[in-house]
Protein backbone atom coordinates (compact mmCIF):
# COMPACT_ATOMS: atom_id res chain seq x y z
CA MET A 1 16.20 3.36 0.12
CA SER A 2 16.59 3.31 3.87
CA ASN A 3 13.94 0.65 4.59
CA GLU A 4 13.52 2.35 7.96
CA VAL A 5 10.21 3.62 9.28
CA ASN A 6 10.45 7.30 10.21
CA ARG A 7 8.04 9.74 11.82
CA VAL A 8 6.82 12.53 9.58
CA PRO A 9 6.77 15.92 11.31
CA PHE A 10 3.35 17.52 11.84
CA GLU A 11 4.52 20.50 9.78
CA VAL A 12 4.91 18.19 6.78
CA SER A 13 1.96 15.79 7.14
CA GLY A 14 -0.53 17.81 9.16
CA LEU A 15 -0.98 14.71 11.37
CA LEU A 16 0.39 13.96 14.83
CA ASP A 17 1.17 10.27 14.23
CA SER A 18 2.21 10.02 10.58
CA VAL A 19 5.02 7.61 9.70
CA GLU A 20 6.68 6.74 6.41
CA LEU A 21 8.86 4.11 4.79
CA MET A 22 10.80 4.73 1.60
CA THR A 23 11.04 1.48 -0.37
CA VAL A 24 10.50 0.10 -3.85
CA CYS A 25 7.37 -1.32 -5.39
CA SER A 26 6.46 -3.31 -8.45
CA SER A 27 3.88 -1.84 -10.80
CA LEU A 28 2.09 -3.64 -13.61
CA ARG A 29 -0.59 -2.16 -15.83
CA MET A 30 -3.67 -4.25 -16.62
CA ARG A 31 -6.29 -3.92 -19.31
CA CYS A 32 -9.94 -4.18 -18.34
CA ASP A 33 -13.13 -4.75 -20.30
CA GLU A 34 -16.07 -2.33 -20.27
CA SER A 35 -17.29 -3.65 -16.90
CA GLY A 36 -13.89 -3.09 -15.27
CA THR A 37 -12.99 -6.80 -15.16
CA PRO A 38 -9.25 -7.38 -15.75
CA VAL A 39 -8.66 -9.26 -19.02
CA GLU A 40 -4.86 -9.12 -19.44
CA VAL A 41 -1.68 -7.58 -18.12
CA ASP A 42 0.23 -5.10 -20.23
CA GLY A 43 4.01 -5.47 -20.40
CA LYS A 44 6.39 -6.37 -17.60
CA PRO A 45 6.44 -5.19 -13.96
CA GLU A 46 8.27 -1.92 -13.43
CA ILE A 47 10.28 -1.43 -10.23
CA CYS A 48 9.89 2.11 -8.86
CA PRO A 49 10.76 4.04 -5.70
CA CYS A 50 7.73 4.12 -3.43
CA ARG A 51 6.72 5.98 -0.27
CA ILE A 52 4.43 4.21 2.18
CA MET A 53 2.75 6.43 4.78
CA ALA A 54 0.38 5.51 7.61
CA SER A 55 -1.57 7.35 10.28
CA TYR A 56 -4.08 6.05 12.80
CA GLU A 57 -5.33 9.63 13.29
CA ASP A 58 -6.20 9.81 9.60
CA GLY A 59 -7.05 6.10 9.40
CA THR A 60 -5.18 5.54 6.14
CA LEU A 61 -2.28 3.67 4.59
CA THR A 62 -1.00 5.42 1.47
CA PHE A 63 1.35 4.38 -1.31
CA SER A 64 2.78 7.10 -3.53
CA VAL A 65 4.81 6.39 -6.64
CA ARG A 66 5.96 9.74 -8.01
CA LYS A 67 7.58 8.27 -11.12
CA LEU A 68 4.16 6.99 -12.25
CA GLY A 69 2.09 9.81 -10.77
CA TRP A 70 0.16 7.39 -8.52
CA PHE A 71 -1.22 8.02 -5.07
CA ILE A 72 -3.24 5.13 -3.58
CA SER A 73 -4.85 5.13 -0.13
CA ALA A 74 -6.75 2.46 1.78
CA ARG A 75 -8.36 2.31 5.20
CA ILE A 76 -5.73 1.14 7.67
CA ASP A 77 -8.17 -1.10 9.57
CA GLU A 78 -9.10 -2.95 6.38
CA VAL A 79 -5.46 -3.35 5.36
CA MET A 80 -4.65 -4.75 8.81
CA GLU A 81 -7.56 -7.20 8.54
CA VAL A 82 -6.22 -8.48 5.22
CA LEU A 83 -2.72 -8.87 6.68
CA VAL A 84 -4.04 -10.81 9.68
CA GLU A 85 -5.96 -13.15 7.38
CA ALA A 86 -2.92 -13.60 5.14
CA GLY A 87 -0.91 -14.59 8.22
CA LYS A 88 -3.56 -17.11 9.22
CA ALA A 89 -3.74 -18.49 5.67
CA SER A 90 0.04 -18.94 5.56
CA LYS A 91 -0.21 -21.11 8.66
CA GLY A 92 -3.17 -23.08 7.25
CA SER A 93 -5.64 -21.84 9.87
CA ASN A 94 -9.24 -20.73 9.30
CA ARG A 95 -10.93 -17.56 10.48
CA GLU A 96 -13.45 -19.64 12.47
CA ASP A 97 -10.67 -21.17 14.63
């Protein structure tokens, strides 16, 4: 893995501002009850190659794990909000500050 953020050509992504990072991720399967509430984890975490892509034009952050056949996207503004709050929490500050 290069751990370097690279631009993805428009011809590949279809977006003008797409970037990617090839890295590794940890995946763990969980079991849920009928309502979708997690009740237990299944097995041990599996380390897999992972591709993280982001685009402001598209408004998404995407994780793809080919080995597991997973493709997960989230709104980039919501992901950034969570990261900002995590940074504040690590410093012991409150949102109201």
